[in-house]
Protein backbone atom coordinates (compact mmCIF):
# COMPACT_ATOMS: atom_id res chain seq x y z
CA MET A 1 -32.87 -31.44 -0.98
CA ARG A 2 -35.19 -34.29 -0.01
CA LEU A 3 -35.34 -36.83 2.79
CA ASP A 4 -34.31 -40.26 1.60
CA LYS A 5 -37.08 -42.86 1.81
CA GLU A 6 -35.60 -44.86 4.67
CA THR A 7 -35.12 -41.77 6.82
CA ALA A 8 -38.67 -40.62 6.04
CA VAL A 9 -40.12 -43.96 7.18
CA LEU A 10 -38.04 -43.85 10.36
CA LEU A 11 -39.15 -40.28 11.09
CA GLU A 12 -42.80 -41.27 10.71
CA GLN A 13 -42.21 -43.99 13.27
CA PHE A 14 -40.51 -41.54 15.63
CA ASN A 15 -43.27 -38.98 15.38
CA GLN A 16 -46.00 -41.53 16.05
CA GLN A 17 -44.37 -43.50 18.86
CA ILE A 18 -41.51 -41.65 20.52
CA PRO A 19 -42.02 -38.64 22.80
CA ASP A 20 -39.57 -35.74 23.07
CA LEU A 21 -36.65 -37.26 24.96
CA HIS A 22 -35.34 -33.92 26.23
CA ASN A 23 -38.44 -32.81 28.12
CA GLN A 24 -38.29 -31.27 31.57
CA GLN A 25 -41.95 -32.17 32.12
CA VAL A 26 -40.95 -35.83 32.55
CA SER A 27 -38.35 -37.27 34.89
CA ILE A 28 -34.78 -37.64 33.70
CA GLU A 29 -35.03 -41.36 34.47
CA THR A 30 -37.96 -41.68 32.07
CA SER A 31 -36.11 -39.73 29.37
CA ARG A 32 -33.01 -41.89 29.75
CA ALA A 33 -35.01 -45.10 29.58
CA GLY A 34 -36.72 -43.85 26.42
CA ALA A 35 -33.42 -42.86 24.83
CA GLN A 36 -31.84 -46.20 25.65
CA ALA A 37 -34.78 -48.13 24.24
CA MET A 38 -34.70 -46.08 21.05
CA PHE A 39 -30.96 -46.17 20.41
CA ILE A 40 -30.46 -49.82 21.32
CA GLY A 41 -33.57 -50.83 19.39
CA LEU A 42 -32.50 -49.01 16.24
CA GLN A 43 -28.72 -49.41 16.33
CA GLY A 44 -28.81 -52.48 14.08
CA PRO A 45 -26.67 -55.58 14.48
CA VAL A 46 -23.53 -55.23 16.60
CA PRO A 47 -20.53 -56.17 14.43
CA ILE A 48 -18.49 -59.16 15.57
CA GLY A 49 -15.23 -58.01 14.01
CA CYS A 50 -13.79 -56.57 17.21
CA ARG A 51 -12.89 -57.57 20.76
CA VAL A 52 -14.57 -55.62 23.55
CA SER A 53 -13.46 -55.20 27.16
CA GLU A 54 -14.58 -53.02 30.05
CA LEU A 55 -12.35 -50.35 31.59
CA ASN A 56 -12.54 -48.28 34.77
CA ILE A 57 -10.49 -45.13 34.40
CA PRO A 58 -9.42 -43.59 37.73
CA SER A 59 -9.82 -39.85 38.22
CA ASP A 60 -9.79 -37.39 41.11
CA GLU A 61 -13.60 -37.43 41.15
CA GLY A 62 -14.19 -41.19 40.89
CA ASP A 63 -13.77 -43.97 38.36
CA ILE A 64 -14.99 -43.35 34.82
CA PRO A 65 -16.52 -46.38 33.05
CA ALA A 66 -15.21 -46.96 29.55
CA ARG A 67 -15.15 -49.65 26.89
CA LEU A 68 -12.16 -50.70 24.78
CA TYR A 69 -12.75 -51.96 21.23
CA LEU A 70 -9.93 -53.75 19.40
CA PRO A 71 -9.86 -55.42 15.96
CA VAL A 72 -10.23 -59.21 16.10
CA ILE A 73 -6.92 -59.77 14.32
CA GLU A 74 -4.12 -58.97 16.75
CA THR A 75 -1.02 -57.11 15.66
CA GLU A 76 2.40 -56.48 17.15
CA THR A 77 2.33 -52.91 15.85
CA PRO A 78 0.73 -50.48 18.34
CA LEU A 79 -2.66 -49.37 17.01
CA PRO A 80 -3.93 -45.82 16.62
CA VAL A 81 -6.79 -45.18 19.02
CA VAL A 82 -9.88 -42.97 18.90
CA MET A 83 -11.54 -41.81 22.11
CA PHE A 84 -15.30 -41.59 21.47
CA LEU A 85 -17.73 -39.37 23.43
CA HIS A 86 -21.42 -40.16 22.99
CA GLY A 87 -24.22 -37.71 22.37
CA GLY A 88 -27.48 -37.20 24.23
CA GLY A 89 -27.63 -33.53 25.21
CA TRP A 90 -25.10 -34.06 28.04
CA SER A 91 -27.90 -35.82 29.93
CA LEU A 92 -28.84 -39.01 28.03
CA GLY A 93 -27.05 -41.97 26.48
CA ASP A 94 -24.48 -44.49 27.66
CA LEU A 95 -21.96 -47.03 26.40
CA ASP A 96 -24.66 -49.53 25.43
CA CYS A 97 -26.53 -47.02 23.26
CA TYR A 98 -23.40 -46.61 21.13
CA GLN A 99 -22.15 -50.20 21.14
CA ALA A 100 -23.02 -50.96 17.51
CA LEU A 101 -21.77 -47.64 16.13
CA VAL A 102 -18.39 -47.77 17.89
CA ALA A 103 -17.91 -51.48 17.13
CA SER A 104 -18.72 -50.78 13.48
CA LEU A 105 -16.13 -48.00 13.26
CA CYS A 106 -13.54 -50.23 14.96
CA GLU A 107 -14.22 -53.08 12.53
CA LEU A 108 -14.26 -50.90 9.42
CA SER A 109 -11.18 -48.84 10.30
CA GLY A 110 -9.04 -51.56 11.85
CA MET A 111 -8.07 -49.32 14.75
CA ALA A 112 -8.84 -49.18 18.46
CA PHE A 113 -11.63 -47.19 20.08
CA VAL A 114 -12.19 -46.21 23.70
CA SER A 115 -15.81 -45.20 24.39
CA LEU A 116 -16.12 -43.09 27.55
CA GLU A 117 -19.14 -42.87 29.89
CA TYR A 118 -18.77 -39.37 31.30
CA ARG A 119 -20.98 -38.02 34.09
CA LEU A 120 -24.36 -36.72 32.96
CA ALA A 121 -26.47 -33.66 33.74
CA PRO A 122 -28.59 -32.61 35.53
CA GLU A 123 -27.07 -34.52 38.46
CA HIS A 124 -23.60 -33.46 37.32
CA LYS A 125 -23.58 -30.00 35.82
CA TYR A 126 -20.91 -28.46 33.60
CA PRO A 127 -17.95 -28.91 33.80
CA ALA A 128 -18.25 -32.45 35.24
CA GLY A 129 -18.58 -34.18 31.86
CA LEU A 130 -15.75 -32.12 30.38
CA LYS A 131 -13.51 -32.94 33.34
CA ASP A 132 -14.19 -36.65 32.80
CA ALA A 133 -13.34 -36.36 29.11
CA CYS A 134 -10.07 -34.58 29.89
CA SER A 135 -9.22 -37.15 32.58
CA GLY A 136 -10.02 -39.98 30.17
CA LEU A 137 -7.79 -38.53 27.48
CA SER A 138 -4.92 -38.00 29.91
CA TRP A 139 -5.25 -41.58 31.20
CA LEU A 140 -5.37 -42.96 27.67
CA TYR A 141 -2.19 -41.11 26.71
CA GLN A 142 -0.38 -42.36 29.82
CA HIS A 143 -1.52 -46.00 29.53
CA ALA A 144 -1.71 -46.49 25.76
CA GLN A 145 1.54 -48.43 25.55
CA SER A 146 0.38 -51.02 28.11
CA MET A 147 -2.59 -51.81 25.83
CA ASN A 148 -0.47 -51.93 22.65
CA LEU A 149 -1.91 -48.61 21.52
CA ASP A 150 0.10 -45.80 19.95
CA SER A 151 0.16 -42.72 22.20
CA ASN A 152 1.41 -40.71 19.22
CA ARG A 153 -1.72 -41.55 17.20
CA ILE A 154 -4.65 -40.59 19.42
CA ALA A 155 -7.73 -38.89 17.98
CA LEU A 156 -10.97 -37.65 19.52
CA MET A 157 -14.47 -38.20 18.14
CA GLY A 158 -17.98 -37.46 19.34
CA ASP A 159 -21.50 -36.92 18.12
CA SER A 160 -23.88 -34.09 19.02
CA ALA A 161 -23.20 -33.08 22.66
CA GLY A 162 -20.36 -35.61 22.64
CA ALA A 163 -18.83 -33.71 19.72
CA ASN A 164 -19.15 -30.55 21.79
CA LEU A 165 -17.19 -32.25 24.60
CA ALA A 166 -14.62 -33.66 22.18
CA LEU A 167 -14.01 -30.19 20.76
CA SER A 168 -13.68 -28.55 24.18
CA THR A 169 -11.43 -31.38 25.39
CA SER A 170 -9.19 -30.95 22.36
CA TYR A 171 -9.01 -27.20 22.94
CA GLN A 172 -7.96 -27.72 26.56
CA MET A 173 -5.67 -30.71 26.18
CA ASN A 174 -3.96 -30.62 22.77
CA ASN A 175 -0.21 -30.00 23.05
CA ILE A 176 -0.42 -30.19 26.87
CA ASN A 177 1.78 -32.62 28.85
CA GLY A 178 2.97 -34.29 25.67
CA ILE A 179 -0.47 -34.99 24.17
CA GLN A 180 -0.51 -34.20 20.46
CA LEU A 181 -3.83 -35.24 18.99
CA LYS A 182 -3.75 -36.55 15.43
CA GLY A 183 -7.32 -35.63 14.62
CA LEU A 184 -10.68 -34.39 15.86
CA TYR A 185 -13.90 -35.79 14.34
CA LEU A 186 -17.13 -33.91 15.04
CA ILE A 187 -20.40 -35.61 14.06
CA TYR A 188 -23.36 -33.18 13.85
CA PRO A 189 -21.93 -31.12 16.74
CA VAL A 190 -23.86 -28.76 19.00
CA LEU A 191 -21.73 -25.63 18.97
CA ASP A 192 -23.88 -22.77 20.24
CA VAL A 193 -26.39 -22.78 23.11
CA HIS A 194 -26.17 -19.00 23.60
CA ASN A 195 -27.31 -17.21 20.46
CA PRO A 196 -31.02 -17.09 19.51
CA HIS A 197 -32.19 -20.00 17.38
CA GLN A 198 -32.90 -17.67 14.45
CA THR A 199 -29.13 -17.14 14.18
CA TYR A 200 -29.10 -20.42 12.26
CA PRO A 201 -31.76 -20.92 9.56
CA SER A 202 -31.60 -24.71 9.93
CA ARG A 203 -32.81 -24.41 13.52
CA GLU A 204 -35.87 -22.50 12.39
CA GLN A 205 -36.48 -24.77 9.40
CA PHE A 206 -36.02 -28.16 11.11
CA GLY A 207 -36.35 -27.43 14.84
CA ASN A 208 -40.12 -27.79 15.25
CA GLY A 209 -39.87 -31.39 16.47
CA ASP A 210 -40.71 -33.10 13.18
CA TYR A 211 -37.05 -34.06 12.56
CA LEU A 212 -36.18 -35.81 15.87
CA LEU A 213 -34.24 -32.94 17.48
CA SER A 214 -36.15 -29.78 18.37
CA THR A 215 -35.11 -26.30 19.43
CA ALA A 216 -37.16 -26.84 22.60
CA ALA A 217 -34.97 -29.85 23.35
CA ILE A 218 -31.83 -27.75 22.79
CA ASP A 219 -33.17 -25.21 25.30
CA ASP A 220 -33.94 -27.94 27.84
CA THR A 221 -30.49 -29.48 27.53
CA ARG A 222 -28.86 -26.11 28.13
CA VAL A 223 -30.88 -25.64 31.33
CA MET A 224 -29.93 -29.12 32.55
CA TYR A 225 -26.25 -28.75 31.64
CA LEU A 226 -25.52 -25.37 33.23
CA ASP A 227 -25.95 -24.32 36.85
CA GLU A 228 -26.96 -20.82 37.90
CA LYS A 229 -23.36 -19.62 37.49
CA GLY A 230 -22.84 -21.24 34.11
CA ARG A 231 -22.52 -19.03 31.06
CA ALA A 232 -23.93 -20.26 27.76
CA ASP A 233 -21.39 -18.09 25.93
CA ASP A 234 -18.45 -19.78 27.65
CA PRO A 235 -16.39 -21.04 24.66
CA LEU A 236 -16.07 -24.46 26.32
CA VAL A 237 -19.89 -24.65 26.42
CA SER A 238 -20.54 -22.97 23.06
CA PRO A 239 -17.38 -23.60 21.01
CA MET A 240 -18.63 -21.30 18.26
CA PHE A 241 -17.10 -18.60 20.49
CA LEU A 242 -13.60 -20.13 20.44
CA THR A 243 -11.08 -17.63 19.11
CA ASP A 244 -7.70 -19.39 18.96
CA LEU A 245 -8.47 -22.26 16.58
CA GLN A 246 -4.75 -22.87 16.14
CA ARG A 247 -4.90 -24.79 19.41
CA LEU A 248 -7.01 -27.48 17.74
CA PRO A 249 -5.74 -30.51 15.81
CA ALA A 250 -6.78 -31.05 12.20
CA THR A 251 -10.56 -31.32 12.42
CA SER A 252 -13.26 -33.09 10.40
CA ILE A 253 -16.97 -32.26 10.57
CA LEU A 254 -19.95 -34.34 9.44
CA VAL A 255 -23.44 -32.79 9.30
CA ALA A 256 -26.95 -33.89 8.30
CA GLY A 257 -29.14 -31.87 5.96
CA PHE A 258 -32.40 -32.06 7.96
CA ASP A 259 -30.75 -31.37 11.31
CA PRO A 260 -31.39 -28.15 13.29
CA LEU A 261 -27.63 -28.18 14.01
CA HIS A 262 -26.66 -28.28 10.33
CA ASP A 263 -25.85 -24.61 9.86
CA GLU A 264 -23.70 -24.13 12.95
CA GLY A 265 -21.65 -27.16 11.89
CA GLN A 266 -21.24 -25.68 8.44
CA GLN A 267 -20.32 -22.25 9.81
CA PHE A 268 -17.75 -23.72 12.17
CA ALA A 269 -16.24 -25.70 9.30
CA GLU A 270 -15.82 -22.41 7.43
CA LYS A 271 -14.04 -20.91 10.45
CA LEU A 272 -11.75 -23.94 10.63
CA HIS A 273 -11.02 -23.64 6.91
CA GLN A 274 -10.03 -20.00 7.31
CA ALA A 275 -7.72 -21.00 10.18
CA GLY A 276 -6.17 -23.83 8.15
CA LYS A 277 -7.54 -26.48 10.52
CA LEU A 278 -10.29 -28.14 8.46
CA ARG A 279 -9.36 -31.63 7.26
CA HIS A 280 -12.73 -32.95 5.97
CA PHE A 281 -16.29 -31.64 5.72
CA GLU A 282 -19.14 -33.96 4.76
CA ASP A 283 -22.82 -33.08 4.40
CA PHE A 284 -25.26 -36.02 4.29
CA ASP A 285 -28.08 -33.88 3.04
CA SER A 286 -30.88 -36.48 2.89
CA THR A 287 -31.11 -37.38 6.56
CA ILE A 288 -31.51 -36.24 10.18
CA HIS A 289 -29.68 -35.65 13.43
CA ALA A 290 -28.32 -38.83 15.08
CA PHE A 291 -28.65 -40.85 11.85
CA LEU A 292 -25.28 -42.54 12.27
CA SER A 293 -26.68 -44.39 15.30
CA PHE A 294 -29.51 -45.96 13.28
CA GLY A 295 -27.51 -48.78 11.76
CA ASP A 296 -30.14 -50.19 9.41
CA LEU A 297 -30.29 -46.95 7.41
CA SER A 298 -28.34 -47.17 4.16
CA VAL A 299 -27.12 -43.61 4.68
CA ALA A 300 -25.79 -44.56 8.13
CA GLN A 301 -23.86 -47.47 6.65
CA GLN A 302 -22.43 -45.20 3.96
CA ALA A 303 -21.41 -42.58 6.51
CA ARG A 304 -19.76 -45.15 8.78
CA GLN A 305 -17.76 -46.49 5.84
CA ARG A 306 -16.76 -42.97 4.79
CA LEU A 307 -15.72 -42.08 8.32
CA ALA A 308 -13.65 -45.25 8.62
CA GLU A 309 -11.91 -44.46 5.33
CA GLN A 310 -11.09 -40.98 6.59
CA LEU A 311 -9.64 -42.41 9.82
CA LYS A 312 -7.44 -44.81 7.87
CA ALA A 313 -6.21 -42.08 5.54
CA ASP A 314 -5.48 -39.76 8.46
CA LEU A 315 -4.04 -42.11 11.08
CA LEU A 316 -2.51 -45.09 9.27
CA PRO A 317 0.75 -45.03 7.30
CA ASN A 318 0.34 -46.17 3.71
CA LYS A 319 1.52 -49.75 4.24
CA GLU A 320 -0.66 -50.21 7.32
CA ASN A 321 -3.60 -48.71 5.46
CA GLU A 322 -3.16 -51.10 2.53
CA HIS A 323 -3.03 -54.08 4.91
CA THR A 324 -6.17 -52.92 6.73
CA GLN A 325 -8.05 -52.46 3.45
CA ARG A 326 -7.13 -55.98 2.30
CA ARG A 327 -8.22 -57.42 5.65
CA ALA A 328 -11.55 -55.54 5.58
CA SER A 329 -12.31 -56.78 2.05
CA ARG A 330 -11.97 -60.48 2.95
């Protein structure tokens, strides 16, 4: 297993120019500004093959900003919709950081996306972000029809800490109040902030800070996310401890080979397989955590295309899928 050349060049740039973003020695404002500069600067061109509009989703604890992505070509048939939850250790990232990635997936898949800006730690500790995700999903289910979206074809997706939230949201909300999720897509998820790092060899092998995400950063995010009463072994914080996997929809997991989180993603995929809940597992073994956000990387483009193909296969009937494929090839 070797780093691909493009990832290696990018890592060299990171290690020379970009400080640890999850660092309690600097202010959270400084960390967020650094994360935004990095993700926006490296996201690549924003695709033009979708229409974008702003949403404000009401909840009991205040409005939740969100962004709706629709294919450029309008259709009378209600579209399947994916609710996307961004990564950033529950404390960094926003809608703008993920604009290119979500727009790309919308364009490539031909389906709608709703990107949600949940409340961030440390100002808003667990379970604030999870509550926002659950409120967002409930609102989307109730209002899908008014936006020409199919409430019977809703999926959840997230990357890193956003994948953690997507998984916990699915566990809480699937088959509740009529919601029946059609898929869950976890991109290099963080699944365990309780067990020692040596539980997972990939954390020891790639967690020293040379591969973007460090074990020190994982520790810092846990401290920011949980208050003094929070338990790191709560299954909604560390989903590796979930027991009733039958509550989940069919689930897909994507991991990166040089990611400290690789092994927990792989182990959770094995648990899902044993429970009959694993739909896809993909290991991009030449690259690093967060690579899907770095749009100029060839491996990111390949992964986006693969993910879009999976979405079409999972959420579109055959005739719709064939039409979308013809449209994308023009």
